């Protein structure tokens, strides 16, 4: 698994009591390039992390006694999950050393290790903006992850969905070319809005979560989650797949 590297914030904003990070409770946010006040200064959550936390809270997917696999974990969301499930929290990444020690992230390579996962082990599997980093056919990765889901479990994920069609390239190309083609220098693929049904839609019967259940104008302002995430399927969309969602049997 190639862990993503995010751009450094370029401006520091002062705390504002009108804003709140629903992941950690912080009230100070940072700009990232042209996006004002999007990263929580306390836990580094982005809009999609805060939306994911709202969904997890609303739907009650995380319960005491559950076993949760969290891939490339967002620190704040991971801490909240771990506080509920304790030792049932299993955080993984190719480079565990980049994470806070309290998350106890273990090394795991999605390309070679997913096939070793035991059947029907996890109640919840979560990953957000991970699949675009994996230099292999992710059909196998997703199939094995779903195989490790318990019969009543849920597989929750977000993807960076960009305009146009699906594209991938595992060859050595420049960082500038990767950014132009895939949206970021360390991405190896682009999920295109025009043909999502022809790639990952061939693996799952996709079930995008209706974000209007947790987001309105007031929560949008308070938690710094723009209302445009409600418009169609986009890079903040939370997909919630159960065992029956898998099309590859």
Protein backbone atom coordinates (compact mmCIF):
# COMPACT_ATOMS: atom_id res chain seq x y z
CA UNK A 1 0.00 0.00 0.00
CA UNK A 2 1.46 3.34 -1.00
CA UNK A 3 0.47 5.82 1.67
CA UNK A 4 -0.61 9.16 0.36
CA UNK A 5 1.33 12.34 1.08
CA UNK A 6 -0.75 15.49 1.43
CA UNK A 7 0.24 19.03 0.56
CA UNK A 8 1.53 21.21 3.38
CA UNK A 9 -0.84 23.91 4.67
CA UNK A 10 0.17 27.38 3.53
CA UNK A 11 -1.68 29.57 6.01
CA UNK A 12 -2.49 29.34 9.70
CA UNK A 13 -5.87 30.60 10.86
CA UNK A 14 -6.73 31.70 14.38
CA UNK A 15 -9.22 29.73 16.45
CA UNK A 16 -12.86 30.62 15.79
CA UNK A 17 -15.57 29.50 18.23
CA UNK A 18 -18.08 29.36 15.38
CA UNK A 19 -16.19 26.44 13.81
CA UNK A 20 -15.62 23.01 15.30
CA UNK A 21 -13.92 19.85 14.17
CA UNK A 22 -16.45 17.12 14.91
CA UNK A 23 -13.59 14.59 14.96
CA UNK A 24 -11.53 16.10 17.79
CA UNK A 25 -13.35 19.23 18.96
CA UNK A 26 -10.72 21.67 17.65
CA UNK A 27 -11.72 25.15 16.48
CA UNK A 28 -8.62 26.13 14.51
CA UNK A 29 -8.35 25.38 10.81
CA UNK A 30 -5.65 25.71 8.16
CA UNK A 31 -5.72 26.65 4.50
CA UNK A 32 -4.38 24.29 1.85
CA UNK A 33 -3.46 26.18 -1.31
CA UNK A 34 -6.72 27.58 -2.72
CA UNK A 35 -8.92 25.79 -0.18
CA UNK A 36 -9.53 28.01 2.87
CA UNK A 37 -9.84 26.54 6.36
CA UNK A 38 -10.09 22.87 5.42
CA UNK A 39 -7.56 21.10 7.64
CA UNK A 40 -8.10 20.85 11.40
CA UNK A 41 -5.00 22.17 13.13
CA UNK A 42 -5.43 19.68 15.98
CA UNK A 43 -6.06 16.32 14.30
CA UNK A 44 -5.37 17.13 10.60
CA UNK A 45 -8.87 16.05 9.54
CA UNK A 46 -10.08 17.15 6.12
CA UNK A 47 -13.65 17.61 4.88
CA UNK A 48 -14.01 13.95 3.95
CA UNK A 49 -12.75 12.82 7.37
CA UNK A 50 -15.28 15.01 9.15
CA UNK A 51 -18.07 13.79 6.89
CA UNK A 52 -17.02 10.19 7.53
CA UNK A 53 -17.13 10.83 11.28
CA UNK A 54 -20.65 12.25 10.97
CA UNK A 55 -21.74 9.11 9.09
CA UNK A 56 -20.14 6.76 11.62
CA UNK A 57 -21.83 8.60 14.48
CA UNK A 58 -25.23 8.74 12.76
CA UNK A 59 -25.36 5.10 11.67
CA UNK A 60 -23.71 3.57 14.74
CA UNK A 61 -21.45 1.27 12.75
CA UNK A 62 -18.75 1.24 15.44
CA UNK A 63 -19.75 -0.71 18.53
CA UNK A 64 -18.04 -2.09 21.58
CA UNK A 65 -16.79 -5.60 20.85
CA UNK A 66 -16.42 -4.96 17.13
CA UNK A 67 -13.28 -5.69 15.16
CA UNK A 68 -12.39 -2.83 12.80
CA UNK A 69 -9.78 -2.78 10.02
CA UNK A 70 -8.72 0.81 9.33
CA UNK A 71 -6.41 1.26 6.34
CA UNK A 72 -4.12 4.32 6.23
CA UNK A 73 -6.01 5.67 9.25
CA UNK A 74 -6.89 9.30 9.77
CA UNK A 75 -5.51 9.91 13.26
CA UNK A 76 -8.54 11.61 14.79
CA UNK A 77 -11.09 9.20 13.34
CA UNK A 78 -8.87 6.27 14.32
CA UNK A 79 -8.61 7.46 17.93
CA UNK A 80 -12.39 7.77 18.14
CA UNK A 81 -12.86 4.24 16.82
CA UNK A 82 -10.18 2.83 19.12
CA UNK A 83 -11.84 4.49 22.12
CA UNK A 84 -14.94 2.40 21.41
CA UNK A 85 -13.56 -0.95 20.27
CA UNK A 86 -10.23 -1.02 22.12
CA UNK A 87 -8.14 -4.03 21.09
CA UNK A 88 -10.58 -4.69 18.27
CA UNK A 89 -9.06 -1.76 16.38
CA UNK A 90 -6.60 -2.93 13.71
CA UNK A 91 -4.84 -0.05 11.92
CA UNK A 92 -2.59 -0.88 8.95
CA UNK A 93 -0.34 0.89 6.46
CA UNK A 94 2.75 0.26 4.38
CA UNK A 95 4.64 2.84 6.46
CA UNK A 96 3.45 2.60 10.06
CA UNK A 97 6.25 4.84 11.34
CA UNK A 98 4.54 7.96 9.96
CA UNK A 99 1.58 7.55 12.34
CA UNK A 100 1.20 8.52 16.02
CA UNK A 101 2.26 5.69 18.32
CA UNK A 102 -1.09 5.53 20.10
CA UNK A 103 -2.79 4.28 16.92
CA UNK A 104 -0.54 1.19 16.99
CA UNK A 105 -0.45 0.96 13.19
CA UNK A 106 1.09 -2.26 11.90
CA UNK A 107 2.87 -2.75 8.60
CA UNK A 108 0.69 -4.16 5.85
CA UNK A 109 1.15 -4.20 2.07
CA UNK A 110 -2.21 -4.25 0.31
CA UNK A 111 -0.64 -5.74 -2.81
CA UNK A 112 0.79 -8.84 -1.13
CA UNK A 113 -0.94 -9.16 2.24
CA UNK A 114 -4.68 -8.88 1.58
CA UNK A 115 -4.80 -12.46 0.28
CA UNK A 116 -3.57 -13.58 3.73
CA UNK A 117 -6.52 -12.05 5.57
CA UNK A 118 -8.76 -14.57 7.29
CA UNK A 119 -12.33 -15.00 6.10
CA UNK A 120 -15.12 -13.15 7.90
CA UNK A 121 -12.90 -11.46 10.48
CA UNK A 122 -13.96 -7.79 10.59
CA UNK A 123 -17.22 -6.09 11.48
CA UNK A 124 -16.12 -2.90 9.74
CA UNK A 125 -13.45 -2.14 7.13
CA UNK A 126 -12.64 1.54 6.47
CA UNK A 127 -10.38 3.27 3.96
CA UNK A 128 -10.49 6.78 2.55
CA UNK A 129 -8.52 7.88 -0.53
CA UNK A 130 -6.27 4.83 -0.50
CA UNK A 131 -7.01 2.86 -3.67
CA UNK A 132 -5.56 5.54 -5.96
CA UNK A 133 -2.10 4.81 -4.48
CA UNK A 134 -1.99 1.05 -5.11
CA UNK A 135 0.14 0.04 -8.14
CA UNK A 136 -1.76 -3.13 -9.01
CA UNK A 137 -5.18 -4.22 -10.20
CA UNK A 138 -7.24 -3.25 -7.17
CA UNK A 139 -10.02 -5.71 -8.04
CA UNK A 140 -8.15 -8.41 -6.14
CA UNK A 141 -7.42 -6.08 -3.21
CA UNK A 142 -11.06 -5.09 -2.84
CA UNK A 143 -12.26 -8.69 -3.23
CA UNK A 144 -9.97 -9.96 -0.48
CA UNK A 145 -10.88 -7.08 1.83
CA UNK A 146 -14.55 -7.85 1.33
CA UNK A 147 -13.92 -11.56 1.87
CA UNK A 148 -12.55 -10.74 5.32
CA UNK A 149 -15.77 -8.96 6.23
CA UNK A 150 -18.18 -10.72 8.60
CA UNK A 151 -21.60 -11.70 7.18
CA UNK A 152 -23.26 -8.63 8.75
CA UNK A 153 -20.26 -6.34 8.37
CA UNK A 154 -19.85 -3.15 6.35
CA UNK A 155 -17.05 -2.02 4.04
CA UNK A 156 -16.84 1.79 4.11
CA UNK A 157 -14.67 3.82 1.74
CA UNK A 158 -14.13 7.10 -0.11
CA UNK A 159 -12.42 7.55 -3.48
CA UNK A 160 -10.98 10.65 -5.19
CA UNK A 161 -13.43 10.94 -8.07
CA UNK A 162 -12.37 13.40 -10.77
CA UNK A 163 -13.99 14.61 -14.01
CA UNK A 164 -13.54 12.38 -17.04
CA UNK A 165 -12.84 8.68 -17.37
CA UNK A 166 -10.84 6.10 -15.43
CA UNK A 167 -7.10 6.05 -16.09
CA UNK A 168 -4.10 4.34 -14.51
CA UNK A 169 -0.37 4.05 -15.16
CA UNK A 170 2.16 2.03 -13.13
CA UNK A 171 5.16 3.13 -15.19
CA UNK A 172 7.84 5.58 -14.06
CA UNK A 173 6.50 9.02 -14.91
CA UNK A 174 7.27 12.43 -13.47
CA UNK A 175 5.53 13.83 -10.43
CA UNK A 176 4.18 16.66 -12.59
CA UNK A 177 2.66 14.18 -15.03
CA UNK A 178 1.08 12.21 -12.19
CA UNK A 179 -0.41 15.39 -10.78
CA UNK A 180 -1.81 16.41 -14.16
CA UNK A 181 -3.23 12.99 -14.96
CA UNK A 182 -4.28 11.70 -11.55
CA UNK A 183 -4.64 14.77 -9.33
CA UNK A 184 -1.62 14.17 -7.06
CA UNK A 185 2.04 13.32 -7.50
CA UNK A 186 1.83 9.96 -5.72
CA UNK A 187 -1.35 8.66 -7.36
CA UNK A 188 -1.22 5.87 -9.94
CA UNK A 189 -4.86 6.03 -11.06
CA UNK A 190 -7.82 8.32 -11.49
CA UNK A 191 -11.39 7.31 -10.79
CA UNK A 192 -13.42 9.13 -13.42
CA UNK A 193 -16.94 10.36 -12.79
CA UNK A 194 -17.94 9.45 -16.35
CA UNK A 195 -17.33 5.71 -16.08
CA UNK A 196 -17.31 4.77 -12.40
CA UNK A 197 -19.80 2.02 -13.25
CA UNK A 198 -17.25 0.43 -15.61
CA UNK A 199 -14.40 0.02 -13.10
CA UNK A 200 -15.12 -0.18 -9.38
CA UNK A 201 -18.79 -0.49 -10.29
CA UNK A 202 -17.92 -3.89 -11.76
CA UNK A 203 -16.67 -5.03 -8.35
CA UNK A 204 -19.47 -3.64 -6.19
CA UNK A 205 -23.08 -2.71 -6.56
CA UNK A 206 -22.17 0.74 -5.32
CA UNK A 207 -24.14 2.19 -2.43
CA UNK A 208 -23.27 5.87 -1.91
CA UNK A 209 -24.43 7.26 1.40
CA UNK A 210 -26.97 10.08 1.29
CA UNK A 211 -24.96 12.82 2.98
CA UNK A 212 -28.08 14.96 3.44
CA UNK A 213 -28.87 12.68 6.40
CA UNK A 214 -26.01 14.26 8.34
CA UNK A 215 -25.27 17.54 6.57
CA UNK A 216 -27.25 20.76 6.26
CA UNK A 217 -26.31 24.43 6.06
CA UNK A 218 -25.72 24.75 9.80
CA UNK A 219 -23.51 21.65 10.12
CA UNK A 220 -21.74 22.60 6.89
CA UNK A 221 -20.64 25.90 8.41
CA UNK A 222 -19.93 24.57 11.88
CA UNK A 223 -17.83 21.59 10.81
CA UNK A 224 -16.25 23.13 7.70
CA UNK A 225 -17.78 20.61 5.27
CA UNK A 226 -18.90 22.38 2.07
CA UNK A 227 -22.46 21.76 0.92
CA UNK A 228 -21.28 20.86 -2.59
CA UNK A 229 -20.45 17.38 -1.26
CA UNK A 230 -24.19 16.75 -1.49
CA UNK A 231 -24.14 17.12 -5.27
CA UNK A 232 -23.83 13.70 -6.88
CA UNK A 233 -20.95 11.30 -6.38
CA UNK A 234 -17.68 13.07 -5.63
CA UNK A 235 -14.39 12.75 -3.76
CA UNK A 236 -16.12 13.10 -0.39
CA UNK A 237 -18.83 10.52 -1.05
CA UNK A 238 -18.96 7.76 1.54
CA UNK A 239 -19.71 4.34 0.04
CA UNK A 240 -21.16 1.76 2.41
CA UNK A 241 -21.05 -1.80 1.07
CA UNK A 242 -22.37 -4.92 2.78
CA UNK A 243 -21.57 -8.53 1.89
CA UNK A 244 -24.33 -8.60 -0.73
CA UNK A 245 -22.81 -5.61 -2.54
CA UNK A 246 -20.02 -7.72 -4.00
CA UNK A 247 -20.69 -8.59 -7.64
CA UNK A 248 -17.74 -11.00 -7.96
CA UNK A 249 -18.76 -14.32 -6.40
